[in-house]
N, C-alpha and C. Protein backbone atom coordinates (compact mmCIF):
# COMPACT_ATOMS: atom_id res chain seq x y z
N UNK A 1 -14.64 4.53 -14.84
CA UNK A 1 -14.98 3.96 -13.55
C UNK A 1 -15.70 2.62 -13.71
N UNK A 2 -16.48 2.47 -14.79
CA UNK A 2 -17.19 1.21 -15.01
C UNK A 2 -16.21 0.06 -15.23
N UNK A 3 -15.18 0.33 -16.01
CA UNK A 3 -14.19 -0.71 -16.29
C UNK A 3 -13.45 -1.10 -15.01
N UNK A 4 -13.10 -0.11 -14.19
CA UNK A 4 -12.43 -0.37 -12.92
C UNK A 4 -13.33 -1.19 -12.00
N UNK A 5 -14.62 -0.84 -11.97
CA UNK A 5 -15.58 -1.63 -11.18
C UNK A 5 -15.63 -3.08 -11.66
N UNK A 6 -15.66 -3.26 -12.97
CA UNK A 6 -15.73 -4.62 -13.53
C UNK A 6 -14.48 -5.43 -13.19
N UNK A 7 -13.33 -4.81 -13.35
CA UNK A 7 -12.07 -5.51 -13.05
C UNK A 7 -12.00 -5.85 -11.57
N UNK A 8 -12.32 -4.89 -10.72
CA UNK A 8 -12.26 -5.12 -9.28
C UNK A 8 -13.24 -6.21 -8.85
N UNK A 9 -14.43 -6.17 -9.42
CA UNK A 9 -15.43 -7.19 -9.07
C UNK A 9 -14.98 -8.57 -9.53
N UNK A 10 -14.37 -8.65 -10.71
CA UNK A 10 -13.87 -9.93 -11.22
C UNK A 10 -12.78 -10.48 -10.30
N UNK A 11 -11.87 -9.62 -9.86
CA UNK A 11 -10.81 -10.05 -8.93
C UNK A 11 -11.42 -10.54 -7.63
N UNK A 12 -12.43 -9.82 -7.15
CA UNK A 12 -13.08 -10.19 -5.89
C UNK A 12 -13.78 -11.54 -6.02
N UNK A 13 -14.49 -11.74 -7.11
CA UNK A 13 -15.19 -13.01 -7.33
C UNK A 13 -14.19 -14.15 -7.47
N UNK A 14 -13.10 -13.90 -8.20
CA UNK A 14 -12.08 -14.95 -8.37
C UNK A 14 -11.49 -15.35 -7.01
N UNK A 15 -11.17 -14.36 -6.20
CA UNK A 15 -10.63 -14.66 -4.88
C UNK A 15 -11.64 -15.33 -3.98
N UNK A 16 -12.88 -14.82 -4.01
CA UNK A 16 -13.93 -15.38 -3.16
C UNK A 16 -14.29 -16.81 -3.53
N UNK A 17 -14.03 -17.18 -4.77
CA UNK A 17 -14.35 -18.55 -5.19
C UNK A 17 -13.50 -19.58 -4.45
N UNK A 18 -12.45 -19.12 -3.81
CA UNK A 18 -11.60 -20.04 -3.05
C UNK A 18 -12.03 -20.20 -1.59
N UNK A 19 -13.04 -19.46 -1.17
CA UNK A 19 -13.50 -19.56 0.23
C UNK A 19 -14.03 -20.96 0.56
N UNK A 20 -14.86 -21.50 -0.31
CA UNK A 20 -15.42 -22.84 -0.06
C UNK A 20 -14.34 -23.91 -0.04
N UNK A 21 -13.46 -23.96 -1.05
CA UNK A 21 -12.38 -24.97 -0.98
C UNK A 21 -11.50 -24.81 0.27
N UNK A 22 -11.22 -23.56 0.66
CA UNK A 22 -10.42 -23.33 1.86
C UNK A 22 -11.14 -23.87 3.09
N UNK A 23 -12.43 -23.61 3.17
CA UNK A 23 -13.21 -24.09 4.31
C UNK A 23 -13.24 -25.62 4.34
N UNK A 24 -13.48 -26.23 3.20
CA UNK A 24 -13.52 -27.70 3.14
C UNK A 24 -12.17 -28.30 3.49
N UNK A 25 -11.11 -27.71 2.99
CA UNK A 25 -9.77 -28.19 3.30
C UNK A 25 -9.50 -28.12 4.80
N UNK A 26 -9.90 -27.03 5.41
CA UNK A 26 -9.69 -26.86 6.85
C UNK A 26 -10.52 -27.86 7.65
N UNK A 27 -11.78 -28.05 7.26
CA UNK A 27 -12.65 -29.00 7.96
C UNK A 27 -12.10 -30.42 7.86
N UNK A 28 -11.70 -30.81 6.67
CA UNK A 28 -11.15 -32.16 6.48
C UNK A 28 -9.86 -32.32 7.28
N UNK A 29 -9.02 -31.31 7.27
CA UNK A 29 -7.77 -31.38 8.02
C UNK A 29 -8.04 -31.53 9.51
N UNK A 30 -8.96 -30.75 10.05
CA UNK A 30 -9.29 -30.84 11.47
C UNK A 30 -9.89 -32.21 11.78
N UNK A 31 -10.77 -32.70 10.92
CA UNK A 31 -11.38 -34.01 11.12
C UNK A 31 -10.32 -35.11 11.16
N UNK A 32 -9.43 -35.10 10.17
CA UNK A 32 -8.38 -36.13 10.12
C UNK A 32 -7.42 -36.01 11.30
N UNK A 33 -7.13 -34.80 11.70
CA UNK A 33 -6.23 -34.59 12.83
C UNK A 33 -6.87 -35.08 14.13
N UNK A 34 -8.15 -34.77 14.31
CA UNK A 34 -8.84 -35.09 15.56
C UNK A 34 -9.15 -36.58 15.67
N UNK A 35 -9.69 -37.18 14.61
CA UNK A 35 -10.15 -38.57 14.69
C UNK A 35 -9.08 -39.60 14.33
N UNK A 36 -8.15 -39.25 13.47
CA UNK A 36 -7.16 -40.23 13.02
C UNK A 36 -5.72 -39.82 13.33
N UNK A 37 -5.57 -38.69 14.00
CA UNK A 37 -4.24 -38.17 14.33
C UNK A 37 -3.34 -38.13 13.09
N UNK A 38 -3.94 -37.76 11.97
CA UNK A 38 -3.23 -37.74 10.70
C UNK A 38 -3.64 -36.51 9.88
N UNK A 39 -3.10 -35.35 10.22
CA UNK A 39 -3.48 -34.13 9.47
C UNK A 39 -2.96 -34.17 8.03
N UNK A 40 -3.53 -33.35 7.20
CA UNK A 40 -3.07 -33.25 5.81
C UNK A 40 -1.78 -32.44 5.80
N UNK A 41 -0.77 -32.99 5.17
CA UNK A 41 0.54 -32.33 5.12
C UNK A 41 0.46 -31.05 4.28
N UNK A 42 0.93 -29.94 4.81
CA UNK A 42 1.03 -28.69 4.07
C UNK A 42 -0.21 -27.82 4.07
N UNK A 43 -1.20 -28.17 4.88
CA UNK A 43 -2.43 -27.37 4.91
C UNK A 43 -2.15 -25.95 5.37
N UNK A 44 -1.26 -25.78 6.31
CA UNK A 44 -0.94 -24.43 6.79
C UNK A 44 -0.37 -23.59 5.66
N UNK A 45 0.55 -24.16 4.88
CA UNK A 45 1.11 -23.43 3.74
C UNK A 45 0.01 -23.06 2.75
N UNK A 46 -0.83 -24.01 2.40
CA UNK A 46 -1.91 -23.76 1.45
C UNK A 46 -2.87 -22.69 1.97
N UNK A 47 -3.20 -22.78 3.25
CA UNK A 47 -4.12 -21.82 3.85
C UNK A 47 -3.55 -20.40 3.75
N UNK A 48 -2.29 -20.24 4.06
CA UNK A 48 -1.67 -18.91 3.98
C UNK A 48 -1.72 -18.36 2.56
N UNK A 49 -1.42 -19.19 1.59
CA UNK A 49 -1.41 -18.72 0.21
C UNK A 49 -2.82 -18.44 -0.31
N UNK A 50 -3.77 -19.30 0.05
CA UNK A 50 -5.15 -19.09 -0.39
C UNK A 50 -5.71 -17.80 0.22
N UNK A 51 -5.39 -17.52 1.46
CA UNK A 51 -5.87 -16.29 2.09
C UNK A 51 -5.32 -15.06 1.36
N UNK A 52 -4.08 -15.12 0.92
CA UNK A 52 -3.52 -14.01 0.13
C UNK A 52 -4.33 -13.82 -1.15
N UNK A 53 -4.70 -14.93 -1.80
CA UNK A 53 -5.46 -14.85 -3.05
C UNK A 53 -6.88 -14.34 -2.80
N UNK A 54 -7.43 -14.62 -1.64
CA UNK A 54 -8.79 -14.16 -1.32
C UNK A 54 -8.79 -12.68 -0.93
N UNK A 55 -7.88 -12.28 -0.06
CA UNK A 55 -7.95 -10.94 0.55
C UNK A 55 -7.47 -9.82 -0.38
N UNK A 56 -6.27 -9.91 -0.88
CA UNK A 56 -5.67 -8.76 -1.53
C UNK A 56 -6.33 -8.35 -2.86
N UNK A 57 -6.71 -9.29 -3.71
CA UNK A 57 -7.42 -8.86 -4.92
C UNK A 57 -8.79 -8.25 -4.63
N UNK A 58 -9.34 -8.49 -3.45
CA UNK A 58 -10.67 -7.99 -3.10
C UNK A 58 -10.65 -6.58 -2.51
N UNK A 59 -9.49 -6.06 -2.18
CA UNK A 59 -9.40 -4.74 -1.54
C UNK A 59 -10.01 -3.64 -2.39
N UNK A 60 -9.75 -3.68 -3.68
CA UNK A 60 -10.24 -2.63 -4.58
C UNK A 60 -11.76 -2.63 -4.64
N UNK A 61 -12.35 -3.79 -4.78
CA UNK A 61 -13.81 -3.88 -4.84
C UNK A 61 -14.43 -3.37 -3.54
N UNK A 62 -13.79 -3.71 -2.45
CA UNK A 62 -14.26 -3.26 -1.14
C UNK A 62 -14.25 -1.72 -1.08
N UNK A 63 -13.20 -1.11 -1.59
CA UNK A 63 -13.11 0.36 -1.58
C UNK A 63 -14.16 0.97 -2.51
N UNK A 64 -14.29 0.42 -3.71
CA UNK A 64 -15.23 0.98 -4.68
C UNK A 64 -16.68 0.83 -4.25
N UNK A 65 -16.96 -0.22 -3.52
CA UNK A 65 -18.34 -0.44 -3.07
C UNK A 65 -18.63 0.25 -1.73
N UNK A 66 -17.60 0.91 -1.17
CA UNK A 66 -17.78 1.63 0.10
C UNK A 66 -17.93 0.71 1.29
N UNK A 67 -17.31 -0.45 1.22
CA UNK A 67 -17.46 -1.46 2.28
C UNK A 67 -16.38 -1.42 3.35
N UNK A 68 -15.38 -0.56 3.19
CA UNK A 68 -14.36 -0.46 4.22
C UNK A 68 -14.95 0.14 5.49
N UNK A 69 -14.40 -0.22 6.60
CA UNK A 69 -14.87 0.29 7.88
C UNK A 69 -14.51 1.77 8.00
N UNK A 70 -15.47 2.55 8.45
CA UNK A 70 -15.18 3.95 8.71
C UNK A 70 -15.86 4.35 10.02
N UNK A 71 -15.16 5.19 10.75
CA UNK A 71 -15.70 5.69 12.01
C UNK A 71 -16.01 7.16 11.80
N UNK A 72 -17.29 7.48 11.87
CA UNK A 72 -17.69 8.87 11.58
C UNK A 72 -18.60 9.43 12.66
N UNK A 73 -18.29 9.11 13.89
CA UNK A 73 -19.12 9.57 15.00
C UNK A 73 -19.19 11.09 15.04
N UNK A 74 -18.06 11.74 14.87
CA UNK A 74 -18.01 13.21 14.92
C UNK A 74 -18.29 13.80 13.55
N UNK A 75 -17.67 13.25 12.53
CA UNK A 75 -17.77 13.81 11.18
C UNK A 75 -19.20 13.77 10.65
N UNK A 76 -19.99 12.80 11.07
CA UNK A 76 -21.36 12.70 10.56
C UNK A 76 -22.23 13.90 10.94
N UNK A 77 -21.81 14.69 11.90
CA UNK A 77 -22.55 15.88 12.31
C UNK A 77 -22.16 17.12 11.49
N UNK A 78 -21.11 17.02 10.70
CA UNK A 78 -20.66 18.14 9.87
C UNK A 78 -21.55 18.25 8.63
N UNK A 79 -21.53 19.42 7.98
CA UNK A 79 -22.25 19.55 6.71
C UNK A 79 -21.68 18.57 5.67
N UNK A 80 -22.50 18.17 4.72
CA UNK A 80 -22.10 17.18 3.70
C UNK A 80 -20.87 17.62 2.92
N UNK A 81 -20.77 18.89 2.62
CA UNK A 81 -19.62 19.39 1.86
C UNK A 81 -18.33 19.23 2.67
N UNK A 82 -18.38 19.54 3.95
CA UNK A 82 -17.21 19.38 4.83
C UNK A 82 -16.85 17.89 4.94
N UNK A 83 -17.87 17.04 5.05
CA UNK A 83 -17.62 15.60 5.10
C UNK A 83 -16.90 15.14 3.84
N UNK A 84 -17.34 15.63 2.68
CA UNK A 84 -16.72 15.24 1.42
C UNK A 84 -15.27 15.72 1.34
N UNK A 85 -15.01 16.94 1.80
CA UNK A 85 -13.64 17.46 1.80
C UNK A 85 -12.76 16.63 2.73
N UNK A 86 -13.27 16.33 3.92
CA UNK A 86 -12.51 15.50 4.86
C UNK A 86 -12.28 14.10 4.29
N UNK A 87 -13.27 13.56 3.58
CA UNK A 87 -13.10 12.26 2.92
C UNK A 87 -11.95 12.32 1.92
N UNK A 88 -11.89 13.39 1.14
CA UNK A 88 -10.82 13.54 0.16
C UNK A 88 -9.45 13.63 0.83
N UNK A 89 -9.40 14.34 1.94
CA UNK A 89 -8.13 14.48 2.66
C UNK A 89 -7.68 13.13 3.22
N UNK A 90 -8.60 12.41 3.86
CA UNK A 90 -8.22 11.11 4.44
C UNK A 90 -7.92 10.09 3.35
N UNK A 91 -8.68 10.12 2.25
CA UNK A 91 -8.38 9.22 1.14
C UNK A 91 -7.01 9.52 0.54
N UNK A 92 -6.67 10.81 0.43
CA UNK A 92 -5.35 11.18 -0.11
C UNK A 92 -4.23 10.71 0.80
N UNK A 93 -4.41 10.86 2.10
CA UNK A 93 -3.39 10.37 3.05
C UNK A 93 -3.29 8.86 2.96
N UNK A 94 -4.43 8.19 2.91
CA UNK A 94 -4.42 6.73 2.77
C UNK A 94 -3.78 6.29 1.47
N UNK A 95 -4.03 7.04 0.40
CA UNK A 95 -3.44 6.72 -0.90
C UNK A 95 -1.92 6.81 -0.83
N UNK A 96 -1.40 7.85 -0.20
CA UNK A 96 0.06 7.98 -0.08
C UNK A 96 0.65 6.78 0.66
N UNK A 97 -0.01 6.39 1.72
CA UNK A 97 0.47 5.23 2.49
C UNK A 97 0.38 3.96 1.64
N UNK A 98 -0.72 3.79 0.91
CA UNK A 98 -0.89 2.59 0.07
C UNK A 98 0.13 2.55 -1.07
N UNK A 99 0.49 3.71 -1.61
CA UNK A 99 1.51 3.74 -2.66
C UNK A 99 2.84 3.25 -2.09
N UNK A 100 3.19 3.72 -0.89
CA UNK A 100 4.42 3.25 -0.25
C UNK A 100 4.37 1.74 0.00
N UNK A 101 3.26 1.27 0.50
CA UNK A 101 3.11 -0.17 0.77
C UNK A 101 3.20 -0.97 -0.54
N UNK A 102 2.61 -0.45 -1.61
CA UNK A 102 2.66 -1.14 -2.90
C UNK A 102 4.09 -1.28 -3.40
N UNK A 103 4.85 -0.18 -3.33
CA UNK A 103 6.24 -0.25 -3.81
C UNK A 103 7.10 -1.15 -2.93
N UNK A 104 6.89 -1.10 -1.63
CA UNK A 104 7.65 -2.00 -0.75
C UNK A 104 7.27 -3.46 -0.99
N UNK A 105 6.01 -3.70 -1.23
CA UNK A 105 5.53 -5.04 -1.53
C UNK A 105 6.16 -5.56 -2.83
N UNK A 106 6.25 -4.70 -3.83
CA UNK A 106 6.88 -5.08 -5.09
C UNK A 106 8.36 -5.37 -4.90
N UNK A 107 9.04 -4.52 -4.13
CA UNK A 107 10.46 -4.76 -3.84
C UNK A 107 10.66 -6.09 -3.14
N UNK A 108 9.80 -6.38 -2.15
CA UNK A 108 9.89 -7.66 -1.44
C UNK A 108 9.69 -8.83 -2.39
N UNK A 109 8.72 -8.70 -3.29
CA UNK A 109 8.44 -9.79 -4.23
C UNK A 109 9.63 -10.03 -5.14
N UNK A 110 10.27 -8.97 -5.58
CA UNK A 110 11.41 -9.11 -6.50
C UNK A 110 12.66 -9.66 -5.81
N UNK A 111 12.77 -9.40 -4.51
CA UNK A 111 13.97 -9.85 -3.80
C UNK A 111 13.76 -11.18 -3.07
N UNK A 112 12.58 -11.77 -3.21
CA UNK A 112 12.33 -13.00 -2.46
C UNK A 112 12.04 -14.19 -3.37
N UNK A 113 12.65 -14.20 -4.52
CA UNK A 113 12.41 -15.30 -5.46
C UNK A 113 12.95 -16.63 -4.94
N UNK A 114 13.83 -16.57 -3.96
CA UNK A 114 14.43 -17.79 -3.42
C UNK A 114 13.70 -18.32 -2.18
N UNK A 115 12.76 -17.55 -1.62
CA UNK A 115 12.06 -17.95 -0.40
C UNK A 115 10.94 -18.92 -0.76
N UNK A 116 10.87 -20.02 -0.01
CA UNK A 116 9.85 -21.05 -0.28
C UNK A 116 9.11 -21.38 1.00
N UNK A 117 7.93 -21.96 0.84
CA UNK A 117 7.11 -22.33 2.00
C UNK A 117 7.76 -23.49 2.75
N UNK A 118 7.36 -23.63 3.99
CA UNK A 118 7.99 -24.58 4.89
C UNK A 118 7.83 -26.03 4.45
N UNK A 119 6.61 -26.47 4.27
CA UNK A 119 6.37 -27.89 3.99
C UNK A 119 6.25 -28.22 2.51
N UNK A 120 5.54 -27.41 1.77
CA UNK A 120 5.29 -27.73 0.37
C UNK A 120 6.36 -27.21 -0.58
N UNK A 121 7.25 -26.40 -0.06
CA UNK A 121 8.36 -25.86 -0.85
C UNK A 121 7.87 -25.02 -2.04
N UNK A 122 6.75 -24.33 -1.85
CA UNK A 122 6.22 -23.45 -2.89
C UNK A 122 6.89 -22.08 -2.79
N UNK A 123 7.20 -21.45 -3.92
CA UNK A 123 7.83 -20.13 -3.86
C UNK A 123 6.85 -19.07 -3.37
N UNK A 124 7.36 -18.11 -2.62
CA UNK A 124 6.53 -17.04 -2.08
C UNK A 124 6.24 -15.93 -3.08
N UNK A 125 7.16 -15.69 -4.01
CA UNK A 125 7.05 -14.49 -4.83
C UNK A 125 5.77 -14.40 -5.68
N UNK A 126 5.20 -15.50 -6.21
CA UNK A 126 3.96 -15.32 -6.97
C UNK A 126 2.83 -14.75 -6.09
N UNK A 127 2.80 -15.17 -4.85
CA UNK A 127 1.76 -14.70 -3.94
C UNK A 127 2.04 -13.28 -3.49
N UNK A 128 3.31 -12.93 -3.39
CA UNK A 128 3.65 -11.54 -3.08
C UNK A 128 3.31 -10.64 -4.27
N UNK A 129 3.42 -11.16 -5.47
CA UNK A 129 3.01 -10.38 -6.64
C UNK A 129 1.50 -10.19 -6.67
N UNK A 130 0.76 -11.22 -6.28
CA UNK A 130 -0.70 -11.09 -6.18
C UNK A 130 -1.05 -10.01 -5.17
N UNK A 131 -0.33 -10.01 -4.05
CA UNK A 131 -0.55 -8.99 -3.03
C UNK A 131 -0.25 -7.60 -3.60
N UNK A 132 0.84 -7.47 -4.33
CA UNK A 132 1.23 -6.20 -4.92
C UNK A 132 0.19 -5.72 -5.93
N UNK A 133 -0.31 -6.63 -6.75
CA UNK A 133 -1.33 -6.28 -7.74
C UNK A 133 -2.60 -5.81 -7.02
N UNK A 134 -2.95 -6.49 -5.94
CA UNK A 134 -4.11 -6.07 -5.16
C UNK A 134 -3.94 -4.68 -4.59
N UNK A 135 -2.75 -4.39 -4.05
CA UNK A 135 -2.47 -3.05 -3.52
C UNK A 135 -2.50 -2.00 -4.64
N UNK A 136 -1.92 -2.33 -5.79
CA UNK A 136 -1.89 -1.39 -6.91
C UNK A 136 -3.31 -1.08 -7.40
N UNK A 137 -4.13 -2.11 -7.49
CA UNK A 137 -5.52 -1.91 -7.90
C UNK A 137 -6.27 -1.07 -6.87
N UNK A 138 -5.96 -1.25 -5.60
CA UNK A 138 -6.56 -0.42 -4.56
C UNK A 138 -6.13 1.04 -4.73
N UNK A 139 -4.87 1.27 -5.03
CA UNK A 139 -4.39 2.64 -5.25
C UNK A 139 -5.13 3.30 -6.41
N UNK A 140 -5.29 2.56 -7.50
CA UNK A 140 -6.01 3.09 -8.67
C UNK A 140 -7.46 3.40 -8.29
N UNK A 141 -8.06 2.52 -7.52
CA UNK A 141 -9.44 2.73 -7.08
C UNK A 141 -9.55 3.95 -6.18
N UNK A 142 -8.59 4.13 -5.30
CA UNK A 142 -8.60 5.29 -4.40
C UNK A 142 -8.47 6.58 -5.20
N UNK A 143 -7.63 6.57 -6.23
CA UNK A 143 -7.49 7.75 -7.10
C UNK A 143 -8.82 8.05 -7.78
N UNK A 144 -9.48 7.02 -8.29
CA UNK A 144 -10.77 7.20 -8.96
C UNK A 144 -11.81 7.75 -7.98
N UNK A 145 -11.82 7.25 -6.76
CA UNK A 145 -12.77 7.73 -5.76
C UNK A 145 -12.50 9.19 -5.42
N UNK A 146 -11.23 9.54 -5.26
CA UNK A 146 -10.86 10.93 -4.95
C UNK A 146 -11.30 11.85 -6.09
N UNK A 147 -11.03 11.46 -7.32
CA UNK A 147 -11.41 12.27 -8.48
C UNK A 147 -12.93 12.46 -8.52
N UNK A 148 -13.65 11.37 -8.26
CA UNK A 148 -15.12 11.45 -8.26
C UNK A 148 -15.63 12.39 -7.17
N UNK A 149 -15.06 12.28 -5.96
CA UNK A 149 -15.48 13.13 -4.85
C UNK A 149 -15.15 14.59 -5.11
N UNK A 150 -13.95 14.85 -5.62
CA UNK A 150 -13.56 16.24 -5.92
C UNK A 150 -14.49 16.82 -6.98
N UNK A 151 -14.82 16.02 -7.98
CA UNK A 151 -15.77 16.47 -9.02
C UNK A 151 -17.11 16.84 -8.42
N UNK A 152 -17.59 16.03 -7.48
CA UNK A 152 -18.87 16.32 -6.84
C UNK A 152 -18.79 17.57 -5.97
N UNK A 153 -17.65 17.75 -5.30
CA UNK A 153 -17.46 18.95 -4.46
C UNK A 153 -17.49 20.20 -5.34
N UNK A 154 -16.77 20.16 -6.44
CA UNK A 154 -16.69 21.32 -7.35
C UNK A 154 -18.05 21.65 -7.96
N UNK A 155 -18.79 20.60 -8.36
CA UNK A 155 -20.11 20.81 -8.97
C UNK A 155 -21.17 21.16 -7.94
N UNK A 156 -20.86 20.92 -6.66
CA UNK A 156 -21.85 21.14 -5.61
C UNK A 156 -22.91 20.04 -5.63
N UNK A 157 -22.52 18.88 -6.08
CA UNK A 157 -23.42 17.75 -6.30
C UNK A 157 -23.42 16.79 -5.10
N UNK A 158 -23.30 17.32 -3.91
CA UNK A 158 -23.17 16.47 -2.71
C UNK A 158 -24.54 16.36 -2.04
N UNK A 159 -24.99 15.11 -1.90
CA UNK A 159 -26.30 14.92 -1.26
C UNK A 159 -26.16 14.18 0.04
């Protein structure tokens, strides 16, 4: 689990490092568009690709750190053991869905080697592969979380 945490955190930091350049690029583009009626060519394409690099590699770290949104208005009133069992069930269902999404994402990446961005003519498939890797890492993280929760349920180690 430590190695998975390290890898996920590294992916998250790498993706997050593009937030400032993305923000600066957007600000400069808006400034040039507004004051000089001369936007930067291809900013929309770059923004789309940078967002893929920021979001998808960060999914795993978000899951491992427990940062995903959860609604537990009703479940929070259940005993801790029941909450843990329900968590395992919902994580397992989510994992099945994420596995399907990962395989479909990989298929799309393999079949879209000819698709390019509108203005900059950049190929889509490298970014689709980044998305697929992010989904795959999320699946691995979900498996690790499920194993950890099941272990705690079996040991009675739920606090």
